[in-house]
Every structure is written in structure tokens, then in C-alpha cells.
Amino acid sequence: MKVSVVLNGAAGSLVGKPIEESVGEVKRLFEEAGHTATVTAASGPEIVAAIDKAVASDADVVVVGGGDGTVATAAGKLMGTDKALGILPLGTLNLYAKDLGIPLDIREAVPLLARGRIKPMDIGDVNGTVFLNHSVLGLYPMMVQEREEVREERGLSKWPAMAIAMCRALKQYPLLRVRLQTEEGTRRLTTPILAVANNPYDEGFGSFLKRSRLDTGKLALYVAKHRQPFKMAKMMVALVLGTWQRDAELEVMSLTEFTVKSRRRTLKVANDGEVHRMEAPLRYRMLAGGLRMLIPAQGEAASPVDADQRMADAAEQQRRESA
């Protein structure tokens, strides 16, 4: 099996470490498992070019080491190809990787991926841009942009900067007025935050943006109806605790496609933590099984030869299905 690995050298987990060591370690671990691996590192604008090169290569699997935004970029480029996507979680939240059960330590993650299997997984789409975790309108895109400004001004890390950004956003507290069009008709919504998740988030204490399933074929739409900032702040605390879906002013819907309309020509949208200004209307749809994903091995370790054959068989089967 040929594996092309792209590491985001600016990812949080790699900052302060010699990048050559990480490149060498990842290559060694894949090759010890019986695979042929090409490993490169890039950062900034160069990361997209590095991913493009990996996608255009003869690799069977493209493994991306980075945060949720980097992984989503790779997912978008792999859509419609016969290549699978693997993830090395090197960012801040690493939501999708955690839901797949991929360890945060490279030395643990690579062997599990090397013994893994390829499986079609769901992916969300809004106006042709894919997202693995969520797409959010309203306060959250404002908070993300504010966070980056605070980091630049004060030299803070992400979490302290986000706390300041949240306070500023709650102080302004703009409400978004949109129209939601579904199979059942069109509704008017006034909301501080509208979030769309690729598969529903779990409920219960300690379930911080966790999904047990990534293959339900459903988008989960979360519409906050809080008109008062302090109530929104309470729900944000509940979000961290995992109890936010019990909020009486939160509406939850399960859909496969819908449209968000606005009088504005464009809307700010945060897709997997990356803020974009997108043209309205926003057409959301679930691409069920639309992404070939390398799932980490679980349980007993398989031999490198057996694992390599499983991955090769899965790749060949997918090629036949798409032929």
C-alpha cells in the first residue's frame, strides 16, 4: 500500500518540535507496518499545494496531519477520487479524529492507521464546500475572527483568546434573521447561532461535541433561540459540559438537505473552524458515504502483511465500484 503523508508544520502539536524528527518518525512507523510512505511537511499557503500534490500522486491513501481545518481541506480535494483519507490529529480540537478513535500521539496513531481499514463515511456540504464536523452561522464566526485578532494583539494562545472573543461577541449580541426552507416548507428564524453538524452530536455529561456515529446519513440542525446574552452564555457553558441539548431554547432537527435564505448577499460561515464569506442562499446537503476514510484498527493487532492486504483489497473493491 502506498501512503502519502502531509504534515502541517504549523499545527499546534508540532510547534516547538524539529519537524524533521516528526517526518522521519511517521515515515518509519508506516514502513515498519509494511507500507511504502512518502512524508512531507508544509505550512501556511504551502499546505494546500502539498495536499494537491499528494492527491495527484499514485498513493492509495492520503494521510493529513493537522487540525480540523486542514483535514477538511484535504477531504474536499479527495472527494470524487479513489483515494482514502487518513488523519493524524495535530490540531487543537481534532473533533473528527477523536470521533474515529484516533489517538492524539503520533506514535500510537500511525500503527493503528497502518493496520486500519477503508470505510465510506458521511460528509456535509454547503454550496460546494465540504465540512467534516460542523458549519456555523451567527456568533461563532464572529468569535473565531475576534479570537485571531486578540491572539495577534496580545500574543495569547487559542483558549484564553477565545474566552475574550466570546465576551466581546456576547456584548454585541447580533441576531441573525434568515428563512429556513425544508421539505415541510419555509420558516422565518431569528437566532444568535445556527449550527449544522455532520451527524448528530451525542447527549450527556462529558460529551463535548462528540459523535458516536459518523454514518447515519443525517445532518443535525441546531437553532438557538436565546434573545438574552446571559442565557446564551449559560448554553455555552452547558456546551462544554455536554448538557447543552437539554436547553429549552434550543431547537434540534434531523435533515438530509435544506436551504438557509437571507436578505443579505453573503453570510459569514465557519466551516470546521475556518471562516468564509459565502453567497446566500446556503444550500446544505448530506453526502452519505461520500468520503473514503481510513479507520484505525481496534482490538488485537493484525500482522503488517494482513493489514496491507486488507487495505489493498478495500482499495481495489472501491475502484471496481466506481468504474
C-alpha atoms as a PDB file:
ATOM      1  CA  MET A   1       0.000   0.000   0.000  1.00  0.00           C
ATOM      2  CA  LYS A   2       1.313   3.424  -0.939  1.00  0.00           C
ATOM      3  CA  VAL A   3       0.706   6.175   1.597  1.00  0.00           C
ATOM      4  CA  SER A   4       1.337   9.885   1.030  1.00  0.00           C
ATOM      5  CA  VAL A   5       1.521  11.857   4.284  1.00  0.00           C
ATOM      6  CA  VAL A   6       1.297  15.649   4.560  1.00  0.00           C
ATOM      7  CA  LEU A   7       2.074  17.231   7.930  1.00  0.00           C
ATOM      8  CA  ASN A   8       1.028  20.790   8.723  1.00  0.00           C
ATOM      9  CA  GLY A   9       4.210  22.142  10.297  1.00  0.00           C
ATOM     10  CA  ALA A  10       2.227  24.958  11.926  1.00  0.00           C
ATOM     11  CA  ALA A  11      -0.167  22.566  13.708  1.00  0.00           C
ATOM     12  CA  GLY A  12      -0.288  23.006  17.458  1.00  0.00           C
ATOM     13  CA  SER A  13       1.143  19.591  18.313  1.00  0.00           C
ATOM     14  CA  LEU A  14       4.235  20.180  16.156  1.00  0.00           C
ATOM     15  CA  VAL A  15       5.057  23.732  17.246  1.00  0.00           C
ATOM     16  CA  GLY A  16       8.414  23.846  19.006  1.00  0.00           C
ATOM     17  CA  LYS A  17       9.482  20.421  17.744  1.00  0.00           C
ATOM     18  CA  PRO A  18      12.052  19.758  14.993  1.00  0.00           C
ATOM     19  CA  ILE A  19       9.828  18.998  12.007  1.00  0.00           C
ATOM     20  CA  GLU A  20      12.463  16.670  10.538  1.00  0.00           C
ATOM     21  CA  GLU A  21      12.060  14.371  13.544  1.00  0.00           C
ATOM     22  CA  SER A  22       8.287  14.138  13.077  1.00  0.00           C
ATOM     23  CA  VAL A  23       8.656  13.491   9.334  1.00  0.00           C
ATOM     24  CA  GLY A  24      11.192  10.737   9.947  1.00  0.00           C
ATOM     25  CA  GLU A  25       9.162   9.151  12.731  1.00  0.00           C
ATOM     26  CA  VAL A  26       5.944   8.988  10.700  1.00  0.00           C
ATOM     27  CA  LYS A  27       7.769   7.509   7.704  1.00  0.00           C
ATOM     28  CA  ARG A  28       9.477   4.901   9.878  1.00  0.00           C
ATOM     29  CA  LEU A  29       6.251   3.838  11.598  1.00  0.00           C
ATOM     30  CA  PHE A  30       4.358   3.346   8.329  1.00  0.00           C
ATOM     31  CA  GLU A  31       7.235   1.444   6.751  1.00  0.00           C
ATOM     32  CA  GLU A  32       7.592  -0.791   9.817  1.00  0.00           C
ATOM     33  CA  ALA A  33       3.961  -1.772   9.206  1.00  0.00           C
ATOM     34  CA  GLY A  34       4.803  -2.844   5.660  1.00  0.00           C
ATOM     35  CA  HIS A  35       3.654   0.219   3.698  1.00  0.00           C
ATOM     36  CA  THR A  36       5.502   2.497   1.281  1.00  0.00           C
ATOM     37  CA  ALA A  37       5.311   6.019   2.691  1.00  0.00           C
ATOM     38  CA  THR A  38       6.174   9.461   1.362  1.00  0.00           C
ATOM     39  CA  VAL A  39       6.096  12.128   4.079  1.00  0.00           C
ATOM     40  CA  THR A  40       6.303  15.888   3.549  1.00  0.00           C
ATOM     41  CA  ALA A  41       5.783  18.887   5.816  1.00  0.00           C
ATOM     42  CA  ALA A  42       4.431  22.293   4.840  1.00  0.00           C
ATOM     43  CA  SER A  43       2.771  25.286   6.454  1.00  0.00           C
ATOM     44  CA  GLY A  44       0.844  28.399   5.507  1.00  0.00           C
ATOM     45  CA  PRO A  45      -0.168  28.663   1.843  1.00  0.00           C
ATOM     46  CA  GLU A  46       2.186  25.786   1.000  1.00  0.00           C
ATOM     47  CA  ILE A  47      -0.006  23.246   2.806  1.00  0.00           C
ATOM     48  CA  VAL A  48      -2.673  23.363   0.080  1.00  0.00           C
ATOM     49  CA  ALA A  49      -0.082  22.780  -2.654  1.00  0.00           C
ATOM     50  CA  ALA A  50       1.351  19.853  -0.670  1.00  0.00           C
ATOM     51  CA  ILE A  51      -2.111  18.290  -0.335  1.00  0.00           C
ATOM     52  CA  ASP A  52      -2.758  18.796  -4.058  1.00  0.00           C
ATOM     53  CA  LYS A  53       0.497  17.006  -4.847  1.00  0.00           C
ATOM     54  CA  ALA A  54      -0.427  14.088  -2.580  1.00  0.00           C
ATOM     55  CA  VAL A  55      -3.883  13.796  -4.154  1.00  0.00           C
ATOM     56  CA  ALA A  56      -2.344  13.775  -7.638  1.00  0.00           C
ATOM     57  CA  SER A  57       0.228  11.115  -6.691  1.00  0.00           C
ATOM     58  CA  ASP A  58      -0.106   7.349  -7.137  1.00  0.00           C
ATOM     59  CA  ALA A  59      -0.734   6.881  -3.410  1.00  0.00           C
ATOM     60  CA  ASP A  60      -3.680   4.749  -2.310  1.00  0.00           C
ATOM     61  CA  VAL A  61      -4.176   6.747   0.889  1.00  0.00           C
ATOM     62  CA  VAL A  62      -3.500  10.415   1.675  1.00  0.00           C
ATOM     63  CA  VAL A  63      -2.842  10.940   5.377  1.00  0.00           C
ATOM     64  CA  VAL A  64      -3.042  14.510   6.648  1.00  0.00           C
ATOM     65  CA  GLY A  65      -1.526  15.616   9.938  1.00  0.00           C
ATOM     66  CA  GLY A  66      -3.113  18.825  11.193  1.00  0.00           C
ATOM     67  CA  GLY A  67      -6.188  20.379  12.745  1.00  0.00           C
ATOM     68  CA  ASP A  68      -9.831  20.156  11.690  1.00  0.00           C
ATOM     69  CA  GLY A  69      -9.458  22.897   9.067  1.00  0.00           C
ATOM     70  CA  THR A  70      -6.506  21.206   7.360  1.00  0.00           C
ATOM     71  CA  VAL A  71      -8.287  17.853   7.384  1.00  0.00           C
ATOM     72  CA  ALA A  72     -11.442  19.395   5.875  1.00  0.00           C
ATOM     73  CA  THR A  73      -9.342  20.945   3.090  1.00  0.00           C
ATOM     74  CA  ALA A  74      -7.923  17.525   2.244  1.00  0.00           C
ATOM     75  CA  ALA A  75     -11.377  15.930   2.386  1.00  0.00           C
ATOM     76  CA  GLY A  76     -12.707  18.398  -0.160  1.00  0.00           C
ATOM     77  CA  LYS A  77      -9.874  17.622  -2.561  1.00  0.00           C
ATOM     78  CA  LEU A  78     -10.272  13.848  -2.172  1.00  0.00           C
ATOM     79  CA  MET A  79     -13.995  13.858  -2.930  1.00  0.00           C
ATOM     80  CA  GLY A  80     -14.680  12.026  -6.170  1.00  0.00           C
ATOM     81  CA  THR A  81     -11.305  10.269  -6.239  1.00  0.00           C
ATOM     82  CA  ASP A  82     -10.476   6.634  -5.500  1.00  0.00           C
ATOM     83  CA  LYS A  83      -8.113   7.636  -2.686  1.00  0.00           C
ATOM     84  CA  ALA A  84      -8.893   7.353   1.016  1.00  0.00           C
ATOM     85  CA  LEU A  85      -8.218   9.971   3.686  1.00  0.00           C
ATOM     86  CA  GLY A  86      -6.328   9.220   6.878  1.00  0.00           C
ATOM     87  CA  ILE A  87      -5.938  11.625   9.796  1.00  0.00           C
ATOM     88  CA  LEU A  88      -3.123  12.342  12.228  1.00  0.00           C
ATOM     89  CA  PRO A  89      -4.723  14.682  14.812  1.00  0.00           C
ATOM     90  CA  LEU A  90      -2.254  17.520  15.395  1.00  0.00           C
ATOM     91  CA  GLY A  91      -4.589  20.475  15.955  1.00  0.00           C
ATOM     92  CA  THR A  92      -6.439  21.966  18.925  1.00  0.00           C
ATOM     93  CA  LEU A  93      -9.803  20.174  18.963  1.00  0.00           C
ATOM     94  CA  ASN A  94      -9.321  17.308  16.474  1.00  0.00           C
ATOM     95  CA  LEU A  95     -13.042  16.541  16.662  1.00  0.00           C
ATOM     96  CA  TYR A  96     -13.381  14.197  13.696  1.00  0.00           C
ATOM     97  CA  ALA A  97     -10.234  12.246  14.571  1.00  0.00           C
ATOM     98  CA  LYS A  98     -11.433  11.777  18.155  1.00  0.00           C
ATOM     99  CA  ASP A  99     -14.799  10.514  16.932  1.00  0.00           C
ATOM    100  CA  LEU A 100     -12.932   7.955  14.813  1.00  0.00           C
ATOM    101  CA  GLY A 101     -10.941   6.845  17.857  1.00  0.00           C
ATOM    102  CA  ILE A 102      -7.561   8.028  16.557  1.00  0.00           C
ATOM    103  CA  PRO A 103      -5.043   8.676  19.380  1.00  0.00           C
ATOM    104  CA  LEU A 104      -3.507  12.148  19.633  1.00  0.00           C
ATOM    105  CA  ASP A 105       0.012  10.736  19.944  1.00  0.00           C
ATOM    106  CA  ILE A 106       1.642  10.090  16.551  1.00  0.00           C
ATOM    107  CA  ARG A 107       3.428   7.028  17.900  1.00  0.00           C
ATOM    108  CA  GLU A 108       0.084   5.464  18.789  1.00  0.00           C
ATOM    109  CA  ALA A 109      -1.931   6.790  15.848  1.00  0.00           C
ATOM    110  CA  VAL A 110       0.276   5.671  12.945  1.00  0.00           C
ATOM    111  CA  PRO A 111       0.370   1.942  13.852  1.00  0.00           C
ATOM    112  CA  LEU A 112      -3.429   1.901  14.238  1.00  0.00           C
ATOM    113  CA  LEU A 113      -3.926   3.616  10.881  1.00  0.00           C
ATOM    114  CA  ALA A 114      -1.381   1.292   9.267  1.00  0.00           C
ATOM    115  CA  ARG A 115      -3.489  -1.688  10.396  1.00  0.00           C
ATOM    116  CA  GLY A 116      -6.764   0.030   9.594  1.00  0.00           C
ATOM    117  CA  ARG A 117      -9.482  -0.423   7.011  1.00  0.00           C
ATOM    118  CA  ILE A 118     -11.159   1.841   4.485  1.00  0.00           C
ATOM    119  CA  LYS A 119     -14.814   2.697   5.025  1.00  0.00           C
ATOM    120  CA  PRO A 120     -17.206   5.167   3.351  1.00  0.00           C
ATOM    121  CA  MET A 121     -18.156   7.920   5.812  1.00  0.00           C
ATOM    122  CA  ASP A 122     -20.620  10.809   5.697  1.00  0.00           C
ATOM    123  CA  ILE A 123     -19.610  14.351   4.878  1.00  0.00           C
ATOM    124  CA  GLY A 124     -21.590  17.597   4.890  1.00  0.00           C
ATOM    125  CA  ASP A 125     -21.719  20.086   2.022  1.00  0.00           C
ATOM    126  CA  VAL A 126     -22.718  23.746   1.842  1.00  0.00           C
ATOM    127  CA  ASN A 127     -22.678  25.410  -1.578  1.00  0.00           C
ATOM    128  CA  GLY A 128     -19.980  23.021  -2.764  1.00  0.00           C
ATOM    129  CA  THR A 129     -17.735  23.368   0.300  1.00  0.00           C
ATOM    130  CA  VAL A 130     -17.483  20.260   2.463  1.00  0.00           C
ATOM    131  CA  PHE A 131     -17.284  20.053   6.244  1.00  0.00           C
ATOM    132  CA  LEU A 132     -16.464  17.087   8.451  1.00  0.00           C
ATOM    133  CA  ASN A 133     -17.708  18.449  11.775  1.00  0.00           C
ATOM    134  CA  HIS A 134     -19.946  21.496  11.604  1.00  0.00           C
ATOM    135  CA  SER A 135     -20.902  24.617   9.696  1.00  0.00           C
ATOM    136  CA  VAL A 136     -21.967  27.546  11.887  1.00  0.00           C
ATOM    137  CA  LEU A 137     -23.586  30.942  11.283  1.00  0.00           C
ATOM    138  CA  GLY A 138     -24.044  33.852  13.679  1.00  0.00           C
ATOM    139  CA  LEU A 139     -21.986  34.473  16.808  1.00  0.00           C
ATOM    140  CA  TYR A 140     -19.435  31.722  16.287  1.00  0.00           C
ATOM    141  CA  PRO A 141     -17.826  33.053  13.071  1.00  0.00           C
ATOM    142  CA  MET A 142     -17.598  36.433  14.807  1.00  0.00           C
ATOM    143  CA  MET A 143     -15.903  34.800  17.798  1.00  0.00           C
ATOM    144  CA  VAL A 144     -13.370  32.987  15.613  1.00  0.00           C
ATOM    145  CA  GLN A 145     -12.366  36.198  13.843  1.00  0.00           C
ATOM    146  CA  GLU A 146     -12.255  38.091  17.134  1.00  0.00           C
ATOM    147  CA  ARG A 147     -10.116  35.332  18.652  1.00  0.00           C
ATOM    148  CA  GLU A 148      -7.489  35.678  15.942  1.00  0.00           C
ATOM    149  CA  GLU A 149      -7.404  39.455  16.428  1.00  0.00           C
ATOM    150  CA  VAL A 150      -6.922  39.003  20.185  1.00  0.00           C
ATOM    151  CA  ARG A 151      -4.134  36.482  19.617  1.00  0.00           C
ATOM    152  CA  GLU A 152      -2.352  38.924  17.334  1.00  0.00           C
ATOM    153  CA  GLU A 153      -2.856  41.867  19.695  1.00  0.00           C
ATOM    154  CA  ARG A 154      -1.952  40.148  22.964  1.00  0.00           C
ATOM    155  CA  GLY A 155       0.043  37.091  21.940  1.00  0.00           C
ATOM    156  CA  LEU A 156      -2.360  34.731  23.724  1.00  0.00           C
ATOM    157  CA  SER A 157      -2.987  31.067  22.964  1.00  0.00           C
ATOM    158  CA  LYS A 158      -6.297  29.964  21.432  1.00  0.00           C
ATOM    159  CA  TRP A 159      -8.337  29.216  24.557  1.00  0.00           C
ATOM    160  CA  PRO A 160      -7.683  32.447  26.527  1.00  0.00           C
ATOM    161  CA  ALA A 161      -8.174  34.422  23.311  1.00  0.00           C
ATOM    162  CA  MET A 162     -11.459  32.603  22.642  1.00  0.00           C
ATOM    163  CA  ALA A 163     -12.724  33.466  26.144  1.00  0.00           C
ATOM    164  CA  ILE A 164     -12.120  37.161  25.456  1.00  0.00           C
ATOM    165  CA  ALA A 165     -13.667  36.848  21.997  1.00  0.00           C
ATOM    166  CA  MET A 166     -16.768  35.201  23.471  1.00  0.00           C
ATOM    167  CA  CYS A 167     -17.242  38.055  25.953  1.00  0.00           C
ATOM    168  CA  ARG A 168     -16.949  40.626  23.172  1.00  0.00           C
ATOM    169  CA  ALA A 169     -19.401  38.759  20.947  1.00  0.00           C
ATOM    170  CA  LEU A 170     -21.935  38.396  23.760  1.00  0.00           C
ATOM    171  CA  LYS A 171     -21.653  42.115  24.474  1.00  0.00           C
ATOM    172  CA  GLN A 172     -22.586  42.964  20.872  1.00  0.00           C
ATOM    173  CA  TYR A 173     -25.006  40.014  20.520  1.00  0.00           C
ATOM    174  CA  PRO A 174     -26.251  40.465  16.946  1.00  0.00           C
ATOM    175  CA  LEU A 175     -29.219  38.346  15.919  1.00  0.00           C
ATOM    176  CA  LEU A 176     -29.327  36.610  12.558  1.00  0.00           C
ATOM    177  CA  ARG A 177     -32.594  36.771  10.612  1.00  0.00           C
ATOM    178  CA  VAL A 178     -32.947  34.058   7.986  1.00  0.00           C
ATOM    179  CA  ARG A 179     -35.506  31.830   6.308  1.00  0.00           C
ATOM    180  CA  LEU A 180     -35.194  28.069   6.610  1.00  0.00           C
ATOM    181  CA  GLN A 181     -36.521  26.043   3.689  1.00  0.00           C
ATOM    182  CA  THR A 182     -37.055  22.305   4.189  1.00  0.00           C
ATOM    183  CA  GLU A 183     -39.314  19.656   2.663  1.00  0.00           C
ATOM    184  CA  GLU A 184     -42.019  20.797   5.075  1.00  0.00           C
ATOM    185  CA  GLY A 185     -41.953  24.413   3.901  1.00  0.00           C
ATOM    186  CA  THR A 186     -40.299  27.723   4.757  1.00  0.00           C
ATOM    187  CA  ARG A 187     -39.921  29.237   8.240  1.00  0.00           C
ATOM    188  CA  ARG A 188     -38.535  32.536   9.477  1.00  0.00           C
ATOM    189  CA  LEU A 189     -35.852  32.264  12.139  1.00  0.00           C
ATOM    190  CA  THR A 190     -34.244  34.836  14.414  1.00  0.00           C
ATOM    191  CA  THR A 191     -31.202  33.326  16.078  1.00  0.00           C
ATOM    192  CA  PRO A 192     -27.813  34.199  17.579  1.00  0.00           C
ATOM    193  CA  ILE A 193     -26.358  30.901  16.339  1.00  0.00           C
ATOM    194  CA  LEU A 194     -27.398  28.360  13.723  1.00  0.00           C
ATOM    195  CA  ALA A 195     -25.199  25.262  13.565  1.00  0.00           C
ATOM    196  CA  VAL A 196     -25.228  22.320  11.178  1.00  0.00           C
ATOM    197  CA  ALA A 197     -23.439  19.114  12.197  1.00  0.00           C
ATOM    198  CA  ASN A 198     -22.293  16.241  10.016  1.00  0.00           C
ATOM    199  CA  ASN A 199     -24.215  13.583  12.006  1.00  0.00           C
ATOM    200  CA  PRO A 200     -25.788  14.466  15.370  1.00  0.00           C
ATOM    201  CA  TYR A 201     -23.767  15.170  18.489  1.00  0.00           C
ATOM    202  CA  ASP A 202     -24.185  12.903  21.496  1.00  0.00           C
ATOM    203  CA  GLU A 203     -26.081  13.994  24.571  1.00  0.00           C
ATOM    204  CA  GLY A 204     -24.951  13.641  28.167  1.00  0.00           C
ATOM    205  CA  PHE A 205     -22.437  14.964  30.668  1.00  0.00           C
ATOM    206  CA  GLY A 206     -18.883  14.922  29.330  1.00  0.00           C
ATOM    207  CA  SER A 207     -19.949  14.584  25.682  1.00  0.00           C
ATOM    208  CA  PHE A 208     -18.276  17.744  24.359  1.00  0.00           C
ATOM    209  CA  LEU A 209     -19.098  17.809  20.634  1.00  0.00           C
ATOM    210  CA  LYS A 210     -18.760  14.034  20.468  1.00  0.00           C
ATOM    211  CA  ARG A 211     -20.415  11.812  17.860  1.00  0.00           C
ATOM    212  CA  SER A 212     -20.784   8.067  18.303  1.00  0.00           C
ATOM    213  CA  ARG A 213     -21.895   7.666  14.677  1.00  0.00           C
ATOM    214  CA  LEU A 214     -20.486   9.241  11.515  1.00  0.00           C
ATOM    215  CA  ASP A 215     -22.604   7.218   9.104  1.00  0.00           C
ATOM    216  CA  THR A 216     -26.255   7.954   9.955  1.00  0.00           C
ATOM    217  CA  GLY A 217     -26.748   9.836   6.683  1.00  0.00           C
ATOM    218  CA  LYS A 218     -28.266  12.785   8.578  1.00  0.00           C
ATOM    219  CA  LEU A 219     -27.368  16.414   9.175  1.00  0.00           C
ATOM    220  CA  ALA A 220     -28.262  17.761  12.606  1.00  0.00           C
ATOM    221  CA  LEU A 221     -29.502  21.358  12.608  1.00  0.00           C
ATOM    222  CA  TYR A 222     -29.239  23.267  15.892  1.00  0.00           C
ATOM    223  CA  VAL A 223     -31.051  26.609  16.161  1.00  0.00           C
ATOM    224  CA  ALA A 224     -30.531  28.716  19.286  1.00  0.00           C
ATOM    225  CA  LYS A 225     -33.499  30.935  20.170  1.00  0.00           C
ATOM    226  CA  HIS A 226     -31.930  32.851  23.061  1.00  0.00           C
ATOM    227  CA  ARG A 227     -32.774  36.559  22.901  1.00  0.00           C
ATOM    228  CA  GLN A 228     -30.744  37.402  26.019  1.00  0.00           C
ATOM    229  CA  PRO A 229     -26.924  37.187  26.080  1.00  0.00           C
ATOM    230  CA  PHE A 230     -26.705  35.699  29.584  1.00  0.00           C
ATOM    231  CA  LYS A 231     -28.916  32.764  28.534  1.00  0.00           C
ATOM    232  CA  MET A 232     -26.677  32.198  25.536  1.00  0.00           C
ATOM    233  CA  ALA A 233     -23.658  32.278  27.858  1.00  0.00           C
ATOM    234  CA  LYS A 234     -25.303  29.597  30.022  1.00  0.00           C
ATOM    235  CA  MET A 235     -25.774  27.378  26.982  1.00  0.00           C
ATOM    236  CA  MET A 236     -22.113  27.841  26.031  1.00  0.00           C
ATOM    237  CA  VAL A 237     -21.113  26.593  29.478  1.00  0.00           C
ATOM    238  CA  ALA A 238     -23.511  23.667  29.032  1.00  0.00           C
ATOM    239  CA  LEU A 239     -21.855  23.003  25.656  1.00  0.00           C
ATOM    240  CA  VAL A 240     -18.520  22.410  27.371  1.00  0.00           C
ATOM    241  CA  LEU A 241     -20.198  20.143  29.935  1.00  0.00           C
ATOM    242  CA  GLY A 242     -22.073  18.181  27.273  1.00  0.00           C
ATOM    243  CA  THR A 243     -25.538  19.062  28.587  1.00  0.00           C
ATOM    244  CA  TRP A 244     -26.396  21.810  26.084  1.00  0.00           C
ATOM    245  CA  GLN A 245     -29.031  19.843  24.160  1.00  0.00           C
ATOM    246  CA  ARG A 246     -31.294  19.944  27.223  1.00  0.00           C
ATOM    247  CA  ASP A 247     -31.665  23.716  26.772  1.00  0.00           C
ATOM    248  CA  ALA A 248     -35.345  24.601  26.323  1.00  0.00           C
ATOM    249  CA  GLU A 249     -34.460  27.398  23.889  1.00  0.00           C
ATOM    250  CA  LEU A 250     -32.531  25.130  21.524  1.00  0.00           C
ATOM    251  CA  GLU A 251     -34.346  23.548  18.586  1.00  0.00           C
ATOM    252  CA  VAL A 252     -32.851  20.414  17.030  1.00  0.00           C
ATOM    253  CA  MET A 253     -33.772  18.998  13.627  1.00  0.00           C
ATOM    254  CA  SER A 254     -32.599  15.955  11.665  1.00  0.00           C
ATOM    255  CA  LEU A 255     -32.407  16.563   7.904  1.00  0.00           C
ATOM    256  CA  THR A 256     -30.664  15.400   4.748  1.00  0.00           C
ATOM    257  CA  GLU A 257     -30.865  18.724   2.934  1.00  0.00           C
ATOM    258  CA  PHE A 258     -32.216  22.232   3.452  1.00  0.00           C
ATOM    259  CA  THR A 259     -31.607  25.843   2.432  1.00  0.00           C
ATOM    260  CA  VAL A 260     -30.869  28.930   4.528  1.00  0.00           C
ATOM    261  CA  LYS A 261     -32.035  32.128   2.816  1.00  0.00           C
ATOM    262  CA  SER A 262     -31.216  35.707   3.744  1.00  0.00           C
ATOM    263  CA  ARG A 263     -31.788  39.243   2.508  1.00  0.00           C
ATOM    264  CA  ARG A 264     -28.016  39.649   2.665  1.00  0.00           C
ATOM    265  CA  ARG A 265     -25.997  38.781  -0.409  1.00  0.00           C
ATOM    266  CA  THR A 266     -23.381  36.987   1.672  1.00  0.00           C
ATOM    267  CA  LEU A 267     -23.187  35.369   5.106  1.00  0.00           C
ATOM    268  CA  LYS A 268     -20.206  34.609   7.330  1.00  0.00           C
ATOM    269  CA  VAL A 269     -19.925  30.871   7.860  1.00  0.00           C
ATOM    270  CA  ALA A 270     -17.436  28.935   9.995  1.00  0.00           C
ATOM    271  CA  ASN A 271     -16.832  25.537   8.385  1.00  0.00           C
ATOM    272  CA  ASP A 272     -14.780  23.319  10.702  1.00  0.00           C
ATOM    273  CA  GLY A 273     -13.410  26.429  12.399  1.00  0.00           C
ATOM    274  CA  GLU A 274     -12.427  28.239   9.185  1.00  0.00           C
ATOM    275  CA  VAL A 275     -14.421  31.428   8.492  1.00  0.00           C
ATOM    276  CA  HIS A 276     -15.635  32.081   4.953  1.00  0.00           C
ATOM    277  CA  ARG A 277     -17.974  34.658   3.486  1.00  0.00           C
ATOM    278  CA  MET A 278     -20.386  32.651   1.348  1.00  0.00           C
ATOM    279  CA  GLU A 279     -23.049  33.763  -1.101  1.00  0.00           C
ATOM    280  CA  ALA A 280     -26.648  33.323   0.008  1.00  0.00           C
ATOM    281  CA  PRO A 281     -28.714  31.220  -0.153  1.00  0.00           C
ATOM    282  CA  LEU A 282     -26.788  28.492   1.647  1.00  0.00           C
ATOM    283  CA  ARG A 283     -27.738  25.056   0.357  1.00  0.00           C
ATOM    284  CA  TYR A 284     -26.859  22.319   2.810  1.00  0.00           C
ATOM    285  CA  ARG A 285     -26.883  18.640   1.924  1.00  0.00           C
ATOM    286  CA  MET A 286     -25.683  15.382   3.389  1.00  0.00           C
ATOM    287  CA  LEU A 287     -23.302  13.371   1.197  1.00  0.00           C
ATOM    288  CA  ALA A 288     -23.935   9.988   2.796  1.00  0.00           C
ATOM    289  CA  GLY A 289     -20.901   7.721   2.471  1.00  0.00           C
ATOM    290  CA  GLY A 290     -19.296  10.369   0.277  1.00  0.00           C
ATOM    291  CA  LEU A 291     -15.775  10.179   1.695  1.00  0.00           C
ATOM    292  CA  ARG A 292     -13.488   7.146   1.789  1.00  0.00           C
ATOM    293  CA  MET A 293     -11.898   7.209   5.235  1.00  0.00           C
ATOM    294  CA  LEU A 294      -9.058   5.177   6.718  1.00  0.00           C
ATOM    295  CA  ILE A 295     -10.457   3.875  10.005  1.00  0.00           C
ATOM    296  CA  PRO A 296      -7.958   2.913  12.735  1.00  0.00           C
ATOM    297  CA  ALA A 297      -7.641  -0.725  13.743  1.00  0.00           C
ATOM    298  CA  GLN A 298      -9.267  -1.757  17.002  1.00  0.00           C
ATOM    299  CA  GLY A 299      -8.544  -4.637  19.341  1.00  0.00           C
ATOM    300  CA  GLU A 300      -5.862  -7.225  18.587  1.00  0.00           C
ATOM    301  CA  ALA A 301      -3.007  -6.135  16.380  1.00  0.00           C
ATOM    302  CA  ALA A 302      -3.023  -7.649  12.907  1.00  0.00           C
ATOM    303  CA  SER A 303       0.160  -8.587  11.119  1.00  0.00           C
ATOM    304  CA  PRO A 304       1.541  -5.921   8.737  1.00  0.00           C
ATOM    305  CA  VAL A 305       1.109  -8.269   5.779  1.00  0.00           C
ATOM    306  CA  ASP A 306      -2.544  -8.996   6.620  1.00  0.00           C
ATOM    307  CA  ALA A 307      -3.247  -5.330   7.228  1.00  0.00           C
ATOM    308  CA  ASP A 308      -1.610  -4.341   3.965  1.00  0.00           C
ATOM    309  CA  GLN A 309      -3.683  -6.920   2.083  1.00  0.00           C
ATOM    310  CA  ARG A 310      -6.914  -5.713   3.722  1.00  0.00           C
ATOM    311  CA  MET A 311      -6.186  -2.141   2.691  1.00  0.00           C
ATOM    312  CA  ALA A 312      -5.246  -3.233  -0.836  1.00  0.00           C
ATOM    313  CA  ASP A 313      -8.434  -5.321  -1.140  1.00  0.00           C
ATOM    314  CA  ALA A 314     -10.568  -2.419   0.063  1.00  0.00           C
ATOM    315  CA  ALA A 315      -8.907  -0.032  -2.375  1.00  0.00           C
ATOM    316  CA  GLU A 316      -9.396  -2.434  -5.284  1.00  0.00           C
ATOM    317  CA  GLN A 317     -13.042  -3.010  -4.378  1.00  0.00           C
ATOM    318  CA  GLN A 318     -13.715   0.729  -4.299  1.00  0.00           C
ATOM    319  CA  ARG A 319     -12.054   1.187  -7.697  1.00  0.00           C
ATOM    320  CA  ARG A 320     -14.317  -1.508  -9.189  1.00  0.00           C
ATOM    321  CA  GLU A 321     -17.425   0.078  -7.690  1.00  0.00           C
ATOM    322  CA  SER A 322     -16.547   3.490  -9.116  1.00  0.00           C
ATOM    323  CA  ALA A 323     -15.582   2.125 -12.547  1.00  0.00           C
END
